[in-house]
C-alpha atoms as a PDB file:
ATOM      1  CA  MET A   1     -17.838  65.539-182.177  1.00  0.00           C
ATOM      2  CA  ASP A   2     -21.300  63.730-181.893  1.00  0.00           C
ATOM      3  CA  MET A   3     -22.289  60.319-182.869  1.00  0.00           C
ATOM      4  CA  GLU A   4     -23.627  61.113-186.199  1.00  0.00           C
ATOM      5  CA  GLN A   5     -20.519  63.271-187.014  1.00  0.00           C
ATOM      6  CA  GLN A   6     -18.185  60.231-186.105  1.00  0.00           C
ATOM      7  CA  VAL A   7     -20.478  58.083-188.389  1.00  0.00           C
ATOM      8  CA  ALA A   8     -19.931  60.512-191.260  1.00  0.00           C
ATOM      9  CA  ARG A   9     -16.284  60.800-190.761  1.00  0.00           C
ATOM     10  CA  HIS A  10     -15.944  56.911-190.827  1.00  0.00           C
ATOM     11  CA  TYR A  11     -17.403  56.656-194.260  1.00  0.00           C
ATOM     12  CA  SER A  12     -15.703  59.825-195.810  1.00  0.00           C
ATOM     13  CA  HIS A  13     -13.014  59.213-198.372  1.00  0.00           C
ATOM     14  CA  GLY A  14     -11.914  62.505-199.782  1.00  0.00           C
ATOM     15  CA  SER A  15     -11.718  61.754-203.468  1.00  0.00           C
ATOM     16  CA  LEU A  16     -14.340  58.946-203.598  1.00  0.00           C
ATOM     17  CA  GLU A  17     -15.965  59.694-207.109  1.00  0.00           C
ATOM     18  CA  ARG A  18     -12.407  60.242-208.922  1.00  0.00           C
ATOM     19  CA  ALA A  19     -11.179  56.806-207.551  1.00  0.00           C
ATOM     20  CA  ILE A  20     -14.517  54.924-208.616  1.00  0.00           C
ATOM     21  CA  LEU A  21     -14.495  56.667-212.072  1.00  0.00           C
ATOM     22  CA  ASP A  22     -10.562  55.632-212.568  1.00  0.00           C
ATOM     23  CA  ALA A  23     -11.540  52.062-211.575  1.00  0.00           C
ATOM     24  CA  LEU A  24     -14.251  51.933-214.151  1.00  0.00           C
ATOM     25  CA  SER A  25     -12.132  53.273-216.679  1.00  0.00           C
ATOM     26  CA  ALA A  26      -9.429  50.358-215.850  1.00  0.00           C
ATOM     27  CA  SER A  27     -12.376  48.001-215.871  1.00  0.00           C
ATOM     28  CA  GLY A  28     -12.940  48.939-219.561  1.00  0.00           C
ATOM     29  CA  LYS A  29     -16.138  50.906-218.810  1.00  0.00           C
ATOM     30  CA  ASP A  30     -17.571  53.982-220.675  1.00  0.00           C
ATOM     31  CA  ILE A  31     -17.817  56.328-217.591  1.00  0.00           C
ATOM     32  CA  GLU A  32     -20.193  58.689-219.521  1.00  0.00           C
ATOM     33  CA  HIS A  33     -22.686  55.981-219.998  1.00  0.00           C
ATOM     34  CA  LEU A  34     -22.978  53.577-217.271  1.00  0.00           C
ATOM     35  CA  ALA A  35     -25.483  50.833-216.319  1.00  0.00           C
ATOM     36  CA  ALA A  36     -26.455  50.559-212.366  1.00  0.00           C
ATOM     37  CA  SER A  37     -24.928  47.139-212.570  1.00  0.00           C
ATOM     38  CA  ASP A  38     -21.462  48.445-213.673  1.00  0.00           C
ATOM     39  CA  LEU A  39     -21.014  49.941-210.202  1.00  0.00           C
ATOM     40  CA  SER A  40     -22.040  46.881-208.219  1.00  0.00           C
ATOM     41  CA  GLY A  41     -18.548  45.957-207.103  1.00  0.00           C
ATOM     42  CA  ALA A  42     -18.379  49.093-204.793  1.00  0.00           C
ATOM     43  CA  ASP A  43     -21.904  50.633-204.377  1.00  0.00           C
ATOM     44  CA  GLU A  44     -23.763  47.264-202.856  1.00  0.00           C
ATOM     45  CA  PHE A  45     -21.825  47.974-199.498  1.00  0.00           C
ATOM     46  CA  HIS A  46     -23.578  45.164-197.585  1.00  0.00           C
ATOM     47  CA  LEU A  47     -23.384  41.377-197.319  1.00  0.00           C
ATOM     48  CA  GLY A  48     -25.120  39.511-200.299  1.00  0.00           C
ATOM     49  CA  TRP A  49     -24.267  42.450-202.395  1.00  0.00           C
ATOM     50  CA  TRP A  50     -26.004  42.887-205.763  1.00  0.00           C
ATOM     51  CA  ALA A  51     -27.899  39.438-205.366  1.00  0.00           C
ATOM     52  CA  GLU A  52     -29.320  40.466-202.075  1.00  0.00           C
ATOM     53  CA  THR A  53     -30.477  43.647-203.423  1.00  0.00           C
ATOM     54  CA  GLU A  54     -32.282  41.585-206.114  1.00  0.00           C
ATOM     55  CA  GLU A  55     -33.760  39.502-203.595  1.00  0.00           C
ATOM     56  CA  LEU A  56     -34.953  42.377-201.418  1.00  0.00           C
ATOM     57  CA  ALA A  57     -36.679  43.988-204.483  1.00  0.00           C
ATOM     58  CA  HIS A  58     -38.355  40.883-205.364  1.00  0.00           C
ATOM     59  CA  GLU A  59     -39.762  40.428-201.797  1.00  0.00           C
ATOM     60  CA  LEU A  60     -40.802  43.906-201.238  1.00  0.00           C
ATOM     61  CA  GLY A  61     -42.671  44.053-204.761  1.00  0.00           C
ATOM     62  CA  PHE A  62     -42.363  47.624-205.530  1.00  0.00           C
ATOM     63  CA  SER A  63     -43.479  49.060-208.855  1.00  0.00           C
ATOM     64  CA  ARG A  64     -43.252  52.160-211.132  1.00  0.00           C
ATOM     65  CA  ASP A  65     -46.009  53.667-208.688  1.00  0.00           C
ATOM     66  CA  THR A  66     -43.854  53.550-205.847  1.00  0.00           C
ATOM     67  CA  HIS A  67     -42.123  56.368-204.505  1.00  0.00           C
ATOM     68  CA  MET A  68     -39.418  54.696-202.156  1.00  0.00           C
ATOM     69  CA  LEU A  69     -37.107  56.080-199.520  1.00  0.00           C
ATOM     70  CA  ASP A  70     -33.791  54.597-198.947  1.00  0.00           C
ATOM     71  CA  ILE A  71     -32.520  55.274-195.410  1.00  0.00           C
ATOM     72  CA  GLY A  72     -28.785  55.357-195.171  1.00  0.00           C
ATOM     73  CA  SER A  73     -28.476  55.173-199.053  1.00  0.00           C
ATOM     74  CA  GLY A  74     -24.577  55.244-199.148  1.00  0.00           C
ATOM     75  CA  ILE A  75     -23.517  55.882-202.791  1.00  0.00           C
ATOM     76  CA  GLY A  76     -26.671  54.641-204.307  1.00  0.00           C
ATOM     77  CA  GLY A  77     -26.315  51.131-205.197  1.00  0.00           C
ATOM     78  CA  PRO A  78     -29.826  49.779-203.968  1.00  0.00           C
ATOM     79  CA  ALA A  79     -31.555  53.091-204.938  1.00  0.00           C
ATOM     80  CA  ARG A  80     -30.477  52.818-208.679  1.00  0.00           C
ATOM     81  CA  HIS A  81     -31.122  49.066-208.554  1.00  0.00           C
ATOM     82  CA  PHE A  82     -34.632  49.554-207.681  1.00  0.00           C
ATOM     83  CA  ALA A  83     -35.222  52.538-210.129  1.00  0.00           C
ATOM     84  CA  GLU A  84     -33.437  50.769-212.880  1.00  0.00           C
ATOM     85  CA  THR A  85     -35.285  47.347-212.603  1.00  0.00           C
ATOM     86  CA  LEU A  86     -38.524  48.127-211.105  1.00  0.00           C
ATOM     87  CA  GLY A  87     -38.862  51.613-212.274  1.00  0.00           C
ATOM     88  CA  CYS A  88     -39.524  53.213-208.809  1.00  0.00           C
ATOM     89  CA  ARG A  89     -38.985  56.912-208.007  1.00  0.00           C
ATOM     90  CA  VAL A  90     -36.446  56.985-205.187  1.00  0.00           C
ATOM     91  CA  THR A  91     -35.208  59.268-202.625  1.00  0.00           C
ATOM     92  CA  GLY A  92     -32.135  58.660-200.606  1.00  0.00           C
ATOM     93  CA  ILE A  93     -30.879  59.963-197.460  1.00  0.00           C
ATOM     94  CA  ASP A  94     -27.356  59.620-196.045  1.00  0.00           C
ATOM     95  CA  LEU A  95     -25.455  61.301-193.023  1.00  0.00           C
ATOM     96  CA  THR A  96     -22.242  61.364-195.065  1.00  0.00           C
ATOM     97  CA  GLY A  97     -21.995  64.256-197.583  1.00  0.00           C
ATOM     98  CA  GLU A  98     -19.505  62.830-199.723  1.00  0.00           C
ATOM     99  CA  PHE A  99     -21.719  59.856-200.138  1.00  0.00           C
ATOM    100  CA  VAL A 100     -24.603  62.109-200.958  1.00  0.00           C
ATOM    101  CA  GLU A 101     -22.526  63.795-203.736  1.00  0.00           C
ATOM    102  CA  VAL A 102     -21.144  60.904-205.294  1.00  0.00           C
ATOM    103  CA  ALA A 103     -24.424  59.002-205.171  1.00  0.00           C
ATOM    104  CA  ASN A 104     -26.081  62.024-207.237  1.00  0.00           C
ATOM    105  CA  ALA A 105     -23.121  62.290-209.761  1.00  0.00           C
ATOM    106  CA  LEU A 106     -23.080  58.446-210.360  1.00  0.00           C
ATOM    107  CA  THR A 107     -26.917  58.308-210.851  1.00  0.00           C
ATOM    108  CA  ARG A 108     -26.554  61.202-213.634  1.00  0.00           C
ATOM    109  CA  ARG A 109     -24.022  58.940-215.270  1.00  0.00           C
ATOM    110  CA  CYS A 110     -26.436  56.087-215.318  1.00  0.00           C
ATOM    111  CA  GLY A 111     -29.143  58.222-216.809  1.00  0.00           C
ATOM    112  CA  LEU A 112     -31.383  57.942-213.613  1.00  0.00           C
ATOM    113  CA  ALA A 113     -31.293  61.266-212.510  1.00  0.00           C
ATOM    114  CA  ASP A 114     -35.100  61.742-213.299  1.00  0.00           C
ATOM    115  CA  ARG A 115     -36.076  59.072-210.888  1.00  0.00           C
ATOM    116  CA  VAL A 116     -33.619  58.937-208.157  1.00  0.00           C
ATOM    117  CA  ALA A 117     -32.071  61.799-205.921  1.00  0.00           C
ATOM    118  CA  PHE A 118     -30.180  61.856-202.707  1.00  0.00           C
ATOM    119  CA  GLU A 119     -29.759  64.299-199.937  1.00  0.00           C
ATOM    120  CA  GLN A 120     -27.888  64.642-196.552  1.00  0.00           C
ATOM    121  CA  ALA A 121     -30.291  64.043-193.641  1.00  0.00           C
ATOM    122  CA  SER A 122     -30.463  62.085-190.563  1.00  0.00           C
ATOM    123  CA  ALA A 123     -32.204  58.994-190.263  1.00  0.00           C
ATOM    124  CA  LEU A 124     -33.497  60.149-186.667  1.00  0.00           C
ATOM    125  CA  ASP A 125     -34.845  63.369-188.100  1.00  0.00           C
ATOM    126  CA  MET A 126     -36.147  63.107-191.633  1.00  0.00           C
ATOM    127  CA  PRO A 127     -36.826  66.252-193.671  1.00  0.00           C
ATOM    128  CA  PHE A 128     -40.105  64.802-195.081  1.00  0.00           C
ATOM    129  CA  ASP A 129     -43.967  65.266-194.277  1.00  0.00           C
ATOM    130  CA  ASP A 130     -45.609  62.691-192.644  1.00  0.00           C
ATOM    131  CA  ALA A 131     -46.959  59.790-194.914  1.00  0.00           C
ATOM    132  CA  THR A 132     -44.899  61.003-197.842  1.00  0.00           C
ATOM    133  CA  PHE A 133     -43.613  57.658-199.024  1.00  0.00           C
ATOM    134  CA  ASP A 134     -45.035  54.211-200.555  1.00  0.00           C
ATOM    135  CA  GLY A 135     -42.280  52.008-199.311  1.00  0.00           C
ATOM    136  CA  ALA A 136     -38.705  52.129-197.792  1.00  0.00           C
ATOM    137  CA  ILE A 137     -35.547  50.275-197.208  1.00  0.00           C
ATOM    138  CA  LEU A 138     -32.843  50.266-194.809  1.00  0.00           C
ATOM    139  CA  VAL A 139     -29.609  48.069-195.817  1.00  0.00           C
ATOM    140  CA  HIS A 140     -26.975  47.659-193.360  1.00  0.00           C
ATOM    141  CA  VAL A 141     -27.604  51.167-191.574  1.00  0.00           C
ATOM    142  CA  GLY A 142     -28.932  50.113-188.179  1.00  0.00           C
ATOM    143  CA  MET A 143     -25.631  48.907-186.773  1.00  0.00           C
ATOM    144  CA  ASN A 144     -24.546  52.674-186.650  1.00  0.00           C
ATOM    145  CA  ILE A 145     -27.655  53.811-184.965  1.00  0.00           C
ATOM    146  CA  ALA A 146     -28.115  53.285-181.000  1.00  0.00           C
ATOM    147  CA  ASP A 147     -31.683  54.955-180.947  1.00  0.00           C
ATOM    148  CA  LYS A 148     -33.522  52.284-183.124  1.00  0.00           C
ATOM    149  CA  ALA A 149     -36.759  53.003-181.486  1.00  0.00           C
ATOM    150  CA  LYS A 150     -36.677  56.636-182.844  1.00  0.00           C
ATOM    151  CA  LEU A 151     -35.288  55.371-186.251  1.00  0.00           C
ATOM    152  CA  PHE A 152     -38.360  53.126-186.642  1.00  0.00           C
ATOM    153  CA  LYS A 153     -40.752  55.698-185.380  1.00  0.00           C
ATOM    154  CA  GLU A 154     -39.501  58.178-187.850  1.00  0.00           C
ATOM    155  CA  ALA A 155     -39.838  55.502-190.708  1.00  0.00           C
ATOM    156  CA  ARG A 156     -43.349  54.881-189.660  1.00  0.00           C
ATOM    157  CA  ARG A 157     -44.041  58.759-189.775  1.00  0.00           C
ATOM    158  CA  VAL A 158     -43.039  59.260-193.108  1.00  0.00           C
ATOM    159  CA  LEU A 159     -44.616  55.958-194.548  1.00  0.00           C
ATOM    160  CA  LYS A 160     -48.104  55.835-195.753  1.00  0.00           C
ATOM    161  CA  PRO A 161     -50.419  53.345-193.958  1.00  0.00           C
ATOM    162  CA  GLY A 162     -49.933  50.022-195.892  1.00  0.00           C
ATOM    163  CA  ALA A 163     -46.555  50.928-197.151  1.00  0.00           C
ATOM    164  CA  ARG A 164     -43.929  48.022-197.027  1.00  0.00           C
ATOM    165  CA  PHE A 165     -40.309  48.601-195.237  1.00  0.00           C
ATOM    166  CA  GLY A 166     -37.537  46.194-195.873  1.00  0.00           C
ATOM    167  CA  VAL A 167     -34.781  46.365-193.261  1.00  0.00           C
ATOM    168  CA  TYR A 168     -31.644  44.280-193.771  1.00  0.00           C
ATOM    169  CA  ASP A 169     -29.213  44.705-191.178  1.00  0.00           C
ATOM    170  CA  ILE A 170     -26.325  42.771-189.259  1.00  0.00           C
ATOM    171  CA  MET A 171     -27.765  41.352-186.406  1.00  0.00           C
ATOM    172  CA  LEU A 172     -26.347  39.786-183.062  1.00  0.00           C
ATOM    173  CA  MET A 173     -27.013  35.985-182.816  1.00  0.00           C
ATOM    174  CA  GLU A 174     -24.690  35.260-179.827  1.00  0.00           C
ATOM    175  CA  ASP A 175     -23.605  37.520-176.981  1.00  0.00           C
ATOM    176  CA  ASP A 176     -20.065  37.589-177.876  1.00  0.00           C
ATOM    177  CA  ALA A 177     -17.666  40.450-178.201  1.00  0.00           C
ATOM    178  CA  LEU A 178     -17.010  41.735-181.896  1.00  0.00           C
ATOM    179  CA  PRO A 179     -13.812  42.227-183.211  1.00  0.00           C
ATOM    180  CA  TYR A 180     -12.950  45.532-184.666  1.00  0.00           C
ATOM    181  CA  PRO A 181     -12.367  47.211-187.316  1.00  0.00           C
ATOM    182  CA  MET A 182     -15.458  46.355-189.123  1.00  0.00           C
ATOM    183  CA  PRO A 183     -16.952  47.583-192.160  1.00  0.00           C
ATOM    184  CA  TRP A 184     -19.278  49.785-190.531  1.00  0.00           C
ATOM    185  CA  ALA A 185     -17.110  50.851-187.565  1.00  0.00           C
ATOM    186  CA  ALA A 186     -13.582  51.207-186.672  1.00  0.00           C
ATOM    187  CA  THR A 187     -14.372  50.839-182.723  1.00  0.00           C
ATOM    188  CA  PRO A 188     -17.293  49.783-180.687  1.00  0.00           C
ATOM    189  CA  GLU A 189     -17.984  53.389-179.753  1.00  0.00           C
ATOM    190  CA  THR A 190     -20.075  53.963-183.520  1.00  0.00           C
ATOM    191  CA  SER A 191     -21.198  50.057-183.451  1.00  0.00           C
ATOM    192  CA  PHE A 192     -24.688  49.423-182.170  1.00  0.00           C
ATOM    193  CA  VAL A 193     -25.546  45.832-183.244  1.00  0.00           C
ATOM    194  CA  GLU A 194     -28.596  44.439-181.846  1.00  0.00           C
ATOM    195  CA  PRO A 195     -30.688  40.983-181.788  1.00  0.00           C
ATOM    196  CA  VAL A 196     -33.265  40.328-184.202  1.00  0.00           C
ATOM    197  CA  ASP A 197     -35.756  40.204-181.122  1.00  0.00           C
ATOM    198  CA  THR A 198     -34.870  43.924-180.528  1.00  0.00           C
ATOM    199  CA  TYR A 199     -35.711  45.017-184.141  1.00  0.00           C
ATOM    200  CA  ARG A 200     -38.850  42.746-184.154  1.00  0.00           C
ATOM    201  CA  SER A 201     -40.323  44.403-180.738  1.00  0.00           C
ATOM    202  CA  LEU A 202     -39.017  48.108-181.654  1.00  0.00           C
ATOM    203  CA  LEU A 203     -40.696  47.852-185.236  1.00  0.00           C
ATOM    204  CA  THR A 204     -43.807  46.571-183.823  1.00  0.00           C
ATOM    205  CA  ALA A 205     -43.943  49.349-181.241  1.00  0.00           C
ATOM    206  CA  ALA A 206     -43.417  51.867-183.684  1.00  0.00           C
ATOM    207  CA  GLY A 207     -46.331  50.766-185.707  1.00  0.00           C
ATOM    208  CA  PHE A 208     -45.168  48.106-187.849  1.00  0.00           C
ATOM    209  CA  THR A 209     -46.594  44.393-188.601  1.00  0.00           C
ATOM    210  CA  VAL A 210     -43.887  41.934-189.448  1.00  0.00           C
ATOM    211  CA  GLU A 211     -44.754  40.102-192.485  1.00  0.00           C
ATOM    212  CA  LYS A 212     -41.649  37.792-193.139  1.00  0.00           C
ATOM    213  CA  GLU A 213     -38.169  37.390-191.749  1.00  0.00           C
ATOM    214  CA  ARG A 214     -35.237  35.602-193.292  1.00  0.00           C
ATOM    215  CA  ASN A 215     -31.686  34.849-191.975  1.00  0.00           C
ATOM    216  CA  ARG A 216     -29.290  35.451-194.995  1.00  0.00           C
ATOM    217  CA  ARG A 217     -26.000  33.944-193.334  1.00  0.00           C
ATOM    218  CA  ASP A 218     -25.633  30.805-195.601  1.00  0.00           C
ATOM    219  CA  PHE A 219     -26.462  32.982-198.523  1.00  0.00           C
ATOM    220  CA  ALA A 220     -23.985  35.795-197.712  1.00  0.00           C
ATOM    221  CA  LEU A 221     -21.242  32.843-196.820  1.00  0.00           C
ATOM    222  CA  LYS A 222     -21.625  31.193-200.058  1.00  0.00           C
ATOM    223  CA  LEU A 223     -21.470  34.346-202.147  1.00  0.00           C
ATOM    224  CA  GLY A 224     -18.406  35.426-200.143  1.00  0.00           C
ATOM    225  CA  ARG A 225     -16.621  32.074-200.900  1.00  0.00           C
ATOM    226  CA  GLU A 226     -17.366  32.456-204.617  1.00  0.00           C
ATOM    227  CA  MET A 227     -16.052  36.088-204.576  1.00  0.00           C
ATOM    228  CA  ARG A 228     -12.836  34.774-202.691  1.00  0.00           C
ATOM    229  CA  GLU A 229     -12.108  31.885-205.153  1.00  0.00           C
ATOM    230  CA  ASN A 230     -12.733  34.274-208.211  1.00  0.00           C
ATOM    231  CA  ALA A 231     -10.254  36.823-207.008  1.00  0.00           C
ATOM    232  CA  ALA A 232      -7.748  33.991-206.386  1.00  0.00           C
ATOM    233  CA  MET A 233      -8.093  32.769-209.845  1.00  0.00           C
ATOM    234  CA  HIS A 234      -8.479  35.996-211.738  1.00  0.00           C
ATOM    235  CA  GLY A 235      -7.107  38.592-209.343  1.00  0.00           C
ATOM    236  CA  ALA A 236      -9.029  41.363-207.751  1.00  0.00           C
ATOM    237  CA  PRO A 237     -11.127  43.571-209.782  1.00  0.00           C
ATOM    238  CA  PRO A 238     -10.328  47.162-210.162  1.00  0.00           C
ATOM    239  CA  LEU A 239     -13.622  48.322-208.701  1.00  0.00           C
ATOM    240  CA  GLY A 240     -14.437  46.642-205.232  1.00  0.00           C
ATOM    241  CA  LEU A 241     -15.259  47.561-201.694  1.00  0.00           C
ATOM    242  CA  HIS A 242     -11.494  48.613-201.038  1.00  0.00           C
ATOM    243  CA  ILE A 243     -12.525  51.682-202.925  1.00  0.00           C
ATOM    244  CA  LEU A 244     -14.823  52.687-200.216  1.00  0.00           C
ATOM    245  CA  MET A 245     -12.820  51.149-197.251  1.00  0.00           C
ATOM    246  CA  GLY A 246      -9.256  51.774-198.106  1.00  0.00           C
ATOM    247  CA  PRO A 247      -6.056  49.854-196.872  1.00  0.00           C
ATOM    248  CA  ALA A 248      -8.044  48.506-193.946  1.00  0.00           C
ATOM    249  CA  THR A 249     -10.248  46.502-196.419  1.00  0.00           C
ATOM    250  CA  PRO A 250      -8.776  43.131-195.706  1.00  0.00           C
ATOM    251  CA  GLU A 251      -8.939  43.263-191.888  1.00  0.00           C
ATOM    252  CA  ARG A 252     -12.568  44.651-192.100  1.00  0.00           C
ATOM    253  CA  LEU A 253     -13.964  42.297-194.164  1.00  0.00           C
ATOM    254  CA  GLY A 254     -11.784  39.420-192.733  1.00  0.00           C
ATOM    255  CA  ASN A 255     -13.453  40.423-189.181  1.00  0.00           C
ATOM    256  CA  VAL A 256     -16.883  40.315-190.527  1.00  0.00           C
ATOM    257  CA  MET A 257     -16.696  37.126-192.578  1.00  0.00           C
ATOM    258  CA  ARG A 258     -15.061  34.986-189.633  1.00  0.00           C
ATOM    259  CA  THR A 259     -17.771  36.488-187.093  1.00  0.00           C
ATOM    260  CA  LEU A 260     -20.394  35.501-189.825  1.00  0.00           C
ATOM    261  CA  GLU A 261     -18.727  32.170-190.065  1.00  0.00           C
ATOM    262  CA  ARG A 262     -18.815  31.743-186.170  1.00  0.00           C
ATOM    263  CA  GLY A 263     -22.439  32.380-186.235  1.00  0.00           C
ATOM    264  CA  THR A 264     -22.080  35.366-183.820  1.00  0.00           C
ATOM    265  CA  ILE A 265     -23.493  37.532-186.250  1.00  0.00           C
ATOM    266  CA  ALA A 266     -26.084  37.334-189.388  1.00  0.00           C
ATOM    267  CA  PRO A 267     -27.453  39.631-192.044  1.00  0.00           C
ATOM    268  CA  ILE A 268     -31.159  39.346-191.299  1.00  0.00           C
ATOM    269  CA  GLU A 269     -33.794  40.564-193.866  1.00  0.00           C
ATOM    270  CA  VAL A 270     -37.126  41.520-192.075  1.00  0.00           C
ATOM    271  CA  ILE A 271     -40.254  42.923-194.336  1.00  0.00           C
ATOM    272  CA  VAL A 272     -42.767  44.813-192.292  1.00  0.00           C
ATOM    273  CA  ARG A 273     -46.076  46.785-193.076  1.00  0.00           C
ATOM    274  CA  ALA A 274     -46.863  50.094-191.662  1.00  0.00           C
ATOM    275  CA  GLU A 275     -50.203  49.950-189.923  1.00  0.00           C
END
């Protein structure tokens, strides 16, 4: 089994759409008429969650004229948010076939299928012509990709000159061993967390100019504490990241939050422009 197959297998569930729909029904949602925000408990699979997606959308400044690429789109949370709030047309790609199927199904239920579509593809070999897209995002994906130089070269290839690219990944702040399992990898074999300097240099080498960089550690920690306090007071909601991660959810989330608190890692947002 090659690396990409291992990564896809890590994220596969088996009956994910049914589990999400059951959780939505238990939450009192009309599963035939959903808003993108109804799904945020499970489809914002990154530190900072829905709030960070809003921040990223604000920073990038995309509009209705933007055809955006979501690289590693998961089950479609950020893509649907950009389409619903900014009116963007969005194409998402992901390695995990089940994620792609669920992303398209949920998008139809949100009434966004005319603006958002997902397909199974590798970020290292994207099935698009040169200069196809007006902008792109990469949200908590690079931790699963060893060859980031190739990743960023591919991103630059499919983006038009002047396009903005928002990268939001967990990055290494101190040279300490990470505990596993983590949300993105059960073992170190499929985990490739790198320092922000590495991202910056590889993005520049690929033909991007860095416009802005933000460390979102404190933001993510604050939201994490609020979520834990709310769950302690009111109980865990039916729809949450446990739907995606299964029984290992407490250990995976505990590992990432403790490592974040120690300052070993941080979620870093980097906004670049294609030259």
